[in-house]
């Protein structure tokens, strides 16, 4: 990932990477993030962002400064990921479902929608992760992109 490189090689001098459960983020992180990226979550984090789990969304919100960004990329293949979709009891992530159900959960947690759309496969090259590269040959995988802004509250 480019951000982890030394600043002289294009890295970011102020990037912080934390390994912690989103359910239990340390209080020291409150209000310090200008931007949070969640790329291709799996397991409990996928369930949380795909269902609008208020505890998790509020945990993310407390870490982000007012007007900070939360960007989420969810990529699911209805056939290949069927077992995980059923195990996590994930809803359909069609555009209609996202707008009628999911976005309101983010708003309750303190995020305002900026953008919601499905990414074209040609856009995947912008996502600089090994997982994006691994998934890109899959024509049946739908990739949802959400960009939200933390509201003042």
N, C-alpha and C. Protein backbone atom coordinates (compact mmCIF):
# COMPACT_ATOMS: atom_id res chain seq x y z
N UNK A 1 0.84 -1.16 0.00
CA UNK A 1 0.00 0.00 0.00
C UNK A 1 0.89 1.23 0.00
N UNK A 2 0.56 2.18 -0.84
CA UNK A 2 1.39 3.36 -1.01
C UNK A 2 1.53 4.17 0.28
N UNK A 3 0.48 4.27 1.07
CA UNK A 3 0.52 5.09 2.28
C UNK A 3 1.55 4.60 3.29
N UNK A 4 1.90 3.33 3.24
CA UNK A 4 2.84 2.78 4.22
C UNK A 4 4.30 3.03 3.83
N UNK A 5 4.52 3.51 2.63
CA UNK A 5 5.88 3.80 2.20
C UNK A 5 6.44 5.01 2.94
N UNK A 6 7.74 5.17 2.92
CA UNK A 6 8.36 6.37 3.47
C UNK A 6 7.85 7.58 2.70
N UNK A 7 7.69 8.74 3.36
CA UNK A 7 7.18 9.93 2.66
C UNK A 7 7.96 10.28 1.39
N UNK A 8 9.27 10.06 1.39
CA UNK A 8 10.09 10.36 0.20
C UNK A 8 9.70 9.49 -0.99
N UNK A 9 9.05 8.35 -0.71
CA UNK A 9 8.64 7.44 -1.79
C UNK A 9 7.13 7.46 -2.00
N UNK A 10 6.47 8.55 -1.58
CA UNK A 10 5.04 8.68 -1.82
C UNK A 10 4.15 8.29 -0.66
N UNK A 11 4.73 7.90 0.45
CA UNK A 11 3.95 7.53 1.63
C UNK A 11 3.43 8.75 2.35
N UNK A 12 2.61 8.51 3.33
CA UNK A 12 2.02 9.60 4.10
C UNK A 12 2.70 9.70 5.46
N UNK A 13 3.15 10.89 5.83
CA UNK A 13 3.86 11.04 7.10
C UNK A 13 2.94 10.90 8.31
N UNK A 14 1.63 11.08 8.11
CA UNK A 14 0.72 11.06 9.25
C UNK A 14 -0.29 9.91 9.19
N UNK A 15 -0.02 8.90 8.42
CA UNK A 15 -0.93 7.75 8.36
C UNK A 15 -0.74 6.89 9.59
N UNK A 16 -1.85 6.44 10.14
CA UNK A 16 -1.79 5.59 11.32
C UNK A 16 -2.57 4.32 10.99
N UNK A 17 -1.97 3.18 11.27
CA UNK A 17 -2.60 1.90 11.03
C UNK A 17 -2.79 1.21 12.37
N UNK A 18 -4.00 0.78 12.62
CA UNK A 18 -4.34 0.20 13.91
C UNK A 18 -4.90 -1.19 13.70
N UNK A 19 -4.45 -2.10 14.50
CA UNK A 19 -5.03 -3.44 14.49
C UNK A 19 -5.85 -3.58 15.77
N UNK A 20 -7.17 -3.46 15.61
CA UNK A 20 -8.07 -3.54 16.76
C UNK A 20 -9.45 -3.91 16.23
N UNK A 21 -10.22 -4.52 17.08
CA UNK A 21 -11.61 -4.82 16.71
C UNK A 21 -12.39 -3.51 16.66
N UNK A 22 -13.17 -3.33 15.63
CA UNK A 22 -13.93 -2.09 15.48
C UNK A 22 -14.92 -1.91 16.63
N UNK A 23 -15.32 -3.02 17.25
CA UNK A 23 -16.24 -2.95 18.38
C UNK A 23 -15.56 -2.38 19.62
N UNK A 24 -14.24 -2.37 19.63
CA UNK A 24 -13.50 -2.02 20.84
C UNK A 24 -12.33 -1.09 20.51
N UNK A 25 -12.58 -0.06 19.73
CA UNK A 25 -11.52 0.87 19.38
C UNK A 25 -11.13 1.68 20.62
N UNK A 26 -9.84 1.89 20.84
CA UNK A 26 -9.40 2.62 22.03
C UNK A 26 -9.90 4.06 22.03
N UNK A 27 -10.20 4.57 23.21
CA UNK A 27 -10.70 5.94 23.37
C UNK A 27 -9.69 6.97 22.86
N UNK A 28 -8.40 6.61 22.84
CA UNK A 28 -7.37 7.52 22.35
C UNK A 28 -7.57 7.88 20.88
N UNK A 29 -8.37 7.11 20.19
CA UNK A 29 -8.63 7.37 18.77
C UNK A 29 -9.80 8.33 18.54
N UNK A 30 -10.52 8.68 19.59
CA UNK A 30 -11.69 9.54 19.44
C UNK A 30 -11.34 10.84 18.71
N UNK A 31 -12.04 11.10 17.61
CA UNK A 31 -11.92 12.35 16.90
C UNK A 31 -10.58 12.64 16.25
N UNK A 32 -9.84 11.62 15.85
CA UNK A 32 -8.52 11.90 15.25
C UNK A 32 -8.46 11.61 13.75
N UNK A 33 -9.41 10.87 13.20
CA UNK A 33 -9.29 10.45 11.80
C UNK A 33 -9.99 11.43 10.86
N UNK A 34 -9.26 11.86 9.85
CA UNK A 34 -9.86 12.67 8.79
C UNK A 34 -10.60 11.78 7.80
N UNK A 35 -10.16 10.52 7.71
CA UNK A 35 -10.72 9.62 6.71
C UNK A 35 -10.53 8.18 7.17
N UNK A 36 -11.57 7.39 6.96
CA UNK A 36 -11.50 5.95 7.23
C UNK A 36 -11.89 5.23 5.95
N UNK A 37 -11.06 4.27 5.55
CA UNK A 37 -11.35 3.43 4.40
C UNK A 37 -11.62 2.01 4.90
N UNK A 38 -12.72 1.45 4.47
CA UNK A 38 -13.01 0.04 4.74
C UNK A 38 -13.13 -0.63 3.38
N UNK A 39 -12.10 -1.36 3.00
CA UNK A 39 -12.05 -1.98 1.67
C UNK A 39 -12.28 -3.48 1.78
N UNK A 40 -13.31 -3.95 1.13
CA UNK A 40 -13.64 -5.38 1.06
C UNK A 40 -13.67 -6.04 2.44
N UNK A 41 -14.52 -5.53 3.35
CA UNK A 41 -14.59 -6.14 4.68
C UNK A 41 -15.13 -7.56 4.60
N UNK A 42 -14.84 -8.32 5.64
CA UNK A 42 -15.30 -9.71 5.73
C UNK A 42 -15.71 -9.96 7.17
N UNK A 43 -16.46 -10.99 7.40
CA UNK A 43 -16.83 -11.38 8.75
C UNK A 43 -17.68 -10.33 9.44
N UNK A 44 -17.39 -10.10 10.72
CA UNK A 44 -18.23 -9.20 11.52
C UNK A 44 -18.21 -7.76 11.02
N UNK A 45 -17.11 -7.30 10.46
CA UNK A 45 -17.08 -5.93 9.93
C UNK A 45 -17.96 -5.83 8.69
N UNK A 46 -17.95 -6.83 7.83
CA UNK A 46 -18.85 -6.84 6.68
C UNK A 46 -20.30 -6.80 7.15
N UNK A 47 -20.63 -7.66 8.10
CA UNK A 47 -22.01 -7.67 8.61
C UNK A 47 -22.39 -6.30 9.16
N UNK A 48 -21.49 -5.69 9.91
CA UNK A 48 -21.78 -4.40 10.54
C UNK A 48 -22.07 -3.30 9.52
N UNK A 49 -21.23 -3.18 8.49
CA UNK A 49 -21.44 -2.09 7.52
C UNK A 49 -22.54 -2.42 6.52
N UNK A 50 -22.79 -3.70 6.27
CA UNK A 50 -23.84 -4.08 5.31
C UNK A 50 -25.24 -4.06 5.93
N UNK A 51 -25.30 -4.13 7.25
CA UNK A 51 -26.60 -4.12 7.93
C UNK A 51 -26.84 -2.83 8.69
N UNK A 52 -25.82 -1.99 8.80
CA UNK A 52 -25.98 -0.73 9.52
C UNK A 52 -26.01 -0.90 11.03
N UNK A 53 -25.18 -1.80 11.55
CA UNK A 53 -25.11 -2.06 12.99
C UNK A 53 -24.74 -0.76 13.72
N UNK A 54 -25.65 -0.29 14.55
CA UNK A 54 -25.47 1.00 15.21
C UNK A 54 -24.25 1.05 16.14
N UNK A 55 -23.98 0.00 16.87
CA UNK A 55 -22.82 0.01 17.77
C UNK A 55 -21.53 0.22 16.98
N UNK A 56 -21.41 -0.48 15.87
CA UNK A 56 -20.19 -0.37 15.06
C UNK A 56 -20.12 0.98 14.36
N UNK A 57 -21.24 1.41 13.77
CA UNK A 57 -21.23 2.70 13.07
C UNK A 57 -20.94 3.85 14.02
N UNK A 58 -21.47 3.78 15.22
CA UNK A 58 -21.19 4.83 16.22
C UNK A 58 -19.73 4.78 16.67
N UNK A 59 -19.16 3.59 16.73
CA UNK A 59 -17.75 3.46 17.07
C UNK A 59 -16.89 4.11 15.99
N UNK A 60 -17.24 3.89 14.73
CA UNK A 60 -16.53 4.53 13.63
C UNK A 60 -16.72 6.04 13.69
N UNK A 61 -17.94 6.47 13.98
CA UNK A 61 -18.23 7.91 14.01
C UNK A 61 -17.43 8.62 15.09
N UNK A 62 -17.25 7.99 16.24
CA UNK A 62 -16.52 8.67 17.32
C UNK A 62 -15.05 8.85 16.98
N UNK A 63 -14.53 8.06 16.06
CA UNK A 63 -13.13 8.17 15.67
C UNK A 63 -12.92 9.27 14.62
N UNK A 64 -13.94 9.57 13.85
CA UNK A 64 -13.83 10.52 12.74
C UNK A 64 -14.13 11.95 13.21
N UNK A 65 -13.31 12.89 12.75
CA UNK A 65 -13.57 14.30 13.04
C UNK A 65 -14.84 14.74 12.31
N UNK A 66 -15.51 15.79 12.80
CA UNK A 66 -16.65 16.31 12.06
C UNK A 66 -16.24 16.65 10.63
N UNK A 67 -17.04 16.26 9.71
CA UNK A 67 -16.82 16.43 8.27
C UNK A 67 -15.76 15.48 7.72
N UNK A 68 -15.24 14.57 8.54
CA UNK A 68 -14.32 13.55 8.06
C UNK A 68 -15.05 12.55 7.17
N UNK A 69 -14.30 11.81 6.38
CA UNK A 69 -14.90 10.88 5.42
C UNK A 69 -14.82 9.43 5.88
N UNK A 70 -15.86 8.69 5.52
CA UNK A 70 -15.89 7.24 5.67
C UNK A 70 -16.17 6.68 4.28
N UNK A 71 -15.23 5.91 3.76
CA UNK A 71 -15.41 5.29 2.45
C UNK A 71 -15.41 3.78 2.63
N UNK A 72 -16.42 3.14 2.05
CA UNK A 72 -16.60 1.70 2.20
C UNK A 72 -16.74 1.08 0.82
N UNK A 73 -16.01 0.00 0.59
CA UNK A 73 -16.12 -0.77 -0.64
C UNK A 73 -16.46 -2.20 -0.26
N UNK A 74 -17.62 -2.64 -0.69
CA UNK A 74 -18.08 -4.00 -0.41
C UNK A 74 -18.19 -4.74 -1.73
N UNK A 75 -17.52 -5.88 -1.84
CA UNK A 75 -17.57 -6.69 -3.06
C UNK A 75 -18.07 -8.08 -2.76
N UNK A 76 -19.25 -8.41 -3.26
CA UNK A 76 -19.83 -9.72 -3.02
C UNK A 76 -20.24 -10.40 -4.33
N UNK A 77 -19.99 -11.67 -4.39
CA UNK A 77 -20.44 -12.51 -5.50
C UNK A 77 -21.56 -13.39 -4.93
N UNK A 78 -22.79 -13.25 -5.44
CA UNK A 78 -23.91 -13.99 -4.85
C UNK A 78 -23.74 -15.50 -4.84
N UNK A 79 -22.97 -16.05 -5.77
CA UNK A 79 -22.76 -17.50 -5.80
C UNK A 79 -21.54 -17.91 -4.98
N UNK A 80 -20.41 -17.32 -5.27
CA UNK A 80 -19.17 -17.71 -4.57
C UNK A 80 -19.21 -17.38 -3.08
N UNK A 81 -19.90 -16.32 -2.72
CA UNK A 81 -19.96 -15.89 -1.33
C UNK A 81 -21.27 -16.27 -0.64
N UNK A 82 -22.03 -17.16 -1.27
CA UNK A 82 -23.36 -17.53 -0.77
C UNK A 82 -23.33 -18.00 0.69
N UNK A 83 -22.39 -18.85 1.03
CA UNK A 83 -22.31 -19.38 2.39
C UNK A 83 -22.08 -18.26 3.40
N UNK A 84 -21.16 -17.36 3.08
CA UNK A 84 -20.87 -16.24 3.98
C UNK A 84 -22.04 -15.27 4.06
N UNK A 85 -22.70 -15.01 2.95
CA UNK A 85 -23.87 -14.14 2.93
C UNK A 85 -24.96 -14.71 3.82
N UNK A 86 -25.18 -16.02 3.73
CA UNK A 86 -26.19 -16.67 4.57
C UNK A 86 -25.76 -16.69 6.03
N UNK A 87 -24.50 -17.02 6.29
CA UNK A 87 -24.00 -17.09 7.67
C UNK A 87 -24.13 -15.75 8.38
N UNK A 88 -23.82 -14.68 7.67
CA UNK A 88 -23.88 -13.34 8.26
C UNK A 88 -25.28 -12.72 8.16
N UNK A 89 -26.17 -13.42 7.46
CA UNK A 89 -27.54 -12.92 7.24
C UNK A 89 -27.53 -11.52 6.64
N UNK A 90 -26.78 -11.40 5.54
CA UNK A 90 -26.64 -10.10 4.89
C UNK A 90 -27.86 -9.80 4.03
N UNK A 91 -28.27 -8.54 3.99
CA UNK A 91 -29.36 -8.15 3.11
C UNK A 91 -28.87 -8.02 1.67
N UNK A 92 -29.82 -7.92 0.74
CA UNK A 92 -29.43 -7.59 -0.63
C UNK A 92 -28.83 -6.19 -0.61
N UNK A 93 -27.80 -6.01 -1.36
CA UNK A 93 -27.17 -4.70 -1.43
C UNK A 93 -27.42 -4.04 -2.78
N UNK A 94 -28.66 -4.19 -3.25
CA UNK A 94 -29.06 -3.51 -4.48
C UNK A 94 -29.17 -2.02 -4.18
N UNK A 95 -29.14 -1.23 -5.21
CA UNK A 95 -29.21 0.22 -5.03
C UNK A 95 -30.48 0.61 -4.27
N UNK A 96 -31.60 -0.01 -4.60
CA UNK A 96 -32.86 0.32 -3.93
C UNK A 96 -32.79 -0.01 -2.44
N UNK A 97 -32.25 -1.19 -2.11
CA UNK A 97 -32.16 -1.58 -0.70
C UNK A 97 -31.18 -0.69 0.07
N UNK A 98 -30.08 -0.36 -0.56
CA UNK A 98 -29.10 0.50 0.10
C UNK A 98 -29.75 1.84 0.43
N UNK A 99 -30.47 2.41 -0.52
CA UNK A 99 -31.06 3.73 -0.30
C UNK A 99 -32.29 3.69 0.60
N UNK A 100 -33.05 2.62 0.56
CA UNK A 100 -34.27 2.59 1.37
C UNK A 100 -34.01 2.13 2.81
N UNK A 101 -32.93 1.39 3.05
CA UNK A 101 -32.71 0.83 4.39
C UNK A 101 -31.36 1.21 5.00
N UNK A 102 -30.30 0.96 4.28
CA UNK A 102 -28.96 1.07 4.86
C UNK A 102 -28.54 2.51 5.15
N UNK A 103 -28.77 3.40 4.21
CA UNK A 103 -28.31 4.78 4.37
C UNK A 103 -28.91 5.41 5.62
N UNK A 104 -30.16 5.11 5.92
CA UNK A 104 -30.78 5.69 7.11
C UNK A 104 -30.06 5.25 8.38
N UNK A 105 -29.51 4.05 8.39
CA UNK A 105 -28.75 3.57 9.56
C UNK A 105 -27.46 4.37 9.73
N UNK A 106 -26.82 4.69 8.62
CA UNK A 106 -25.61 5.52 8.70
C UNK A 106 -25.97 6.92 9.18
N UNK A 107 -27.10 7.46 8.72
CA UNK A 107 -27.53 8.79 9.14
C UNK A 107 -27.81 8.82 10.65
N UNK A 108 -28.46 7.80 11.17
CA UNK A 108 -28.74 7.71 12.60
C UNK A 108 -27.43 7.73 13.39
N UNK A 109 -26.41 7.08 12.86
CA UNK A 109 -25.11 7.00 13.54
C UNK A 109 -24.28 8.27 13.38
N UNK A 110 -24.72 9.22 12.55
CA UNK A 110 -24.01 10.49 12.42
C UNK A 110 -23.22 10.67 11.14
N UNK A 111 -23.61 9.96 10.08
CA UNK A 111 -22.96 10.10 8.78
C UNK A 111 -23.98 10.57 7.74
N UNK A 112 -23.55 11.46 6.86
CA UNK A 112 -24.38 11.92 5.75
C UNK A 112 -23.84 11.34 4.45
N UNK A 113 -24.74 10.85 3.62
CA UNK A 113 -24.34 10.25 2.36
C UNK A 113 -23.84 11.31 1.38
N UNK A 114 -22.69 11.05 0.80
CA UNK A 114 -22.16 11.87 -0.29
C UNK A 114 -22.38 11.14 -1.60
N UNK A 115 -22.06 9.85 -1.61
CA UNK A 115 -22.12 9.08 -2.86
C UNK A 115 -22.36 7.61 -2.54
N UNK A 116 -23.20 7.00 -3.38
CA UNK A 116 -23.46 5.57 -3.29
C UNK A 116 -23.65 5.06 -4.70
N UNK A 117 -22.83 4.07 -5.08
CA UNK A 117 -22.97 3.51 -6.43
C UNK A 117 -22.21 2.20 -6.53
N UNK A 118 -22.50 1.47 -7.58
CA UNK A 118 -21.74 0.27 -7.89
C UNK A 118 -20.56 0.67 -8.76
N UNK A 119 -19.39 0.13 -8.43
CA UNK A 119 -18.20 0.42 -9.22
C UNK A 119 -18.15 -0.47 -10.44
N UNK A 120 -17.73 0.10 -11.55
CA UNK A 120 -17.45 -0.70 -12.75
C UNK A 120 -16.12 -1.41 -12.55
N UNK A 121 -15.97 -2.54 -13.20
CA UNK A 121 -14.71 -3.27 -13.07
C UNK A 121 -13.51 -2.41 -13.47
N UNK A 122 -13.70 -1.51 -14.42
CA UNK A 122 -12.59 -0.65 -14.85
C UNK A 122 -12.11 0.27 -13.73
N UNK A 123 -12.96 0.53 -12.75
CA UNK A 123 -12.59 1.41 -11.64
C UNK A 123 -11.81 0.68 -10.55
N UNK A 124 -11.82 -0.63 -10.58
CA UNK A 124 -11.16 -1.40 -9.54
C UNK A 124 -9.67 -1.14 -9.50
N UNK A 125 -9.08 -0.75 -10.62
CA UNK A 125 -7.64 -0.52 -10.65
C UNK A 125 -7.24 0.65 -9.74
N UNK A 126 -8.17 1.52 -9.42
CA UNK A 126 -7.89 2.63 -8.50
C UNK A 126 -7.75 2.16 -7.06
N UNK A 127 -8.30 0.99 -6.77
CA UNK A 127 -8.25 0.46 -5.41
C UNK A 127 -6.93 -0.29 -5.26
N UNK A 128 -6.02 0.30 -4.54
CA UNK A 128 -4.67 -0.25 -4.45
C UNK A 128 -4.56 -1.28 -3.33
N UNK A 129 -5.28 -2.39 -3.49
CA UNK A 129 -5.16 -3.48 -2.53
C UNK A 129 -4.95 -4.78 -3.29
N UNK A 130 -4.28 -5.70 -2.65
CA UNK A 130 -4.08 -7.00 -3.29
C UNK A 130 -5.41 -7.73 -3.45
N UNK A 131 -6.34 -7.49 -2.52
CA UNK A 131 -7.65 -8.15 -2.61
C UNK A 131 -8.43 -7.65 -3.83
N UNK A 132 -8.37 -6.37 -4.11
CA UNK A 132 -9.05 -5.83 -5.30
C UNK A 132 -8.48 -6.46 -6.56
N UNK A 133 -7.18 -6.62 -6.61
CA UNK A 133 -6.55 -7.24 -7.79
C UNK A 133 -6.98 -8.70 -7.92
N UNK A 134 -7.07 -9.39 -6.80
CA UNK A 134 -7.47 -10.79 -6.82
C UNK A 134 -8.93 -10.96 -7.28
N UNK A 135 -9.79 -10.05 -6.88
CA UNK A 135 -11.22 -10.16 -7.19
C UNK A 135 -11.59 -9.63 -8.56
N UNK A 136 -10.75 -8.79 -9.15
CA UNK A 136 -11.11 -8.09 -10.39
C UNK A 136 -11.48 -8.99 -11.57
N UNK A 137 -10.93 -10.20 -11.72
CA UNK A 137 -11.34 -11.01 -12.87
C UNK A 137 -12.76 -11.56 -12.77
N UNK A 138 -13.40 -11.43 -11.63
CA UNK A 138 -14.73 -12.00 -11.40
C UNK A 138 -15.82 -11.08 -11.95
N UNK A 139 -16.47 -11.51 -13.02
CA UNK A 139 -17.52 -10.71 -13.66
C UNK A 139 -18.81 -10.64 -12.86
N UNK A 140 -19.06 -11.61 -11.99
CA UNK A 140 -20.33 -11.63 -11.27
C UNK A 140 -20.28 -10.94 -9.91
N UNK A 141 -19.14 -10.43 -9.54
CA UNK A 141 -19.01 -9.76 -8.25
C UNK A 141 -19.51 -8.32 -8.37
N UNK A 142 -20.45 -7.96 -7.52
CA UNK A 142 -20.94 -6.58 -7.46
C UNK A 142 -20.12 -5.84 -6.41
N UNK A 143 -19.69 -4.64 -6.74
CA UNK A 143 -18.88 -3.86 -5.83
C UNK A 143 -19.59 -2.55 -5.53
N UNK A 144 -20.01 -2.43 -4.27
CA UNK A 144 -20.72 -1.24 -3.79
C UNK A 144 -19.72 -0.27 -3.20
N UNK A 145 -19.85 0.99 -3.58
CA UNK A 145 -19.00 2.06 -3.04
C UNK A 145 -19.88 3.05 -2.31
N UNK A 146 -19.54 3.32 -1.06
CA UNK A 146 -20.24 4.32 -0.26
C UNK A 146 -19.22 5.36 0.20
N UNK A 147 -19.56 6.61 0.04
CA UNK A 147 -18.76 7.71 0.60
C UNK A 147 -19.71 8.52 1.48
N UNK A 148 -19.31 8.64 2.75
CA UNK A 148 -20.13 9.35 3.72
C UNK A 148 -19.28 10.39 4.45
N UNK A 149 -19.97 11.42 4.95
CA UNK A 149 -19.28 12.46 5.69
C UNK A 149 -19.83 12.47 7.11
N UNK A 150 -18.93 12.56 8.08
CA UNK A 150 -19.36 12.65 9.48
C UNK A 150 -20.03 14.01 9.71
N UNK A 151 -21.23 13.97 10.24
CA UNK A 151 -21.95 15.23 10.48
C UNK A 151 -21.49 15.87 11.78
N UNK A 152 -21.84 17.14 11.96
CA UNK A 152 -21.57 17.82 13.22
C UNK A 152 -22.57 17.33 14.23
N UNK A 153 -22.14 16.85 15.35
CA UNK A 153 -23.05 16.52 16.46
C UNK A 153 -22.30 16.26 17.71
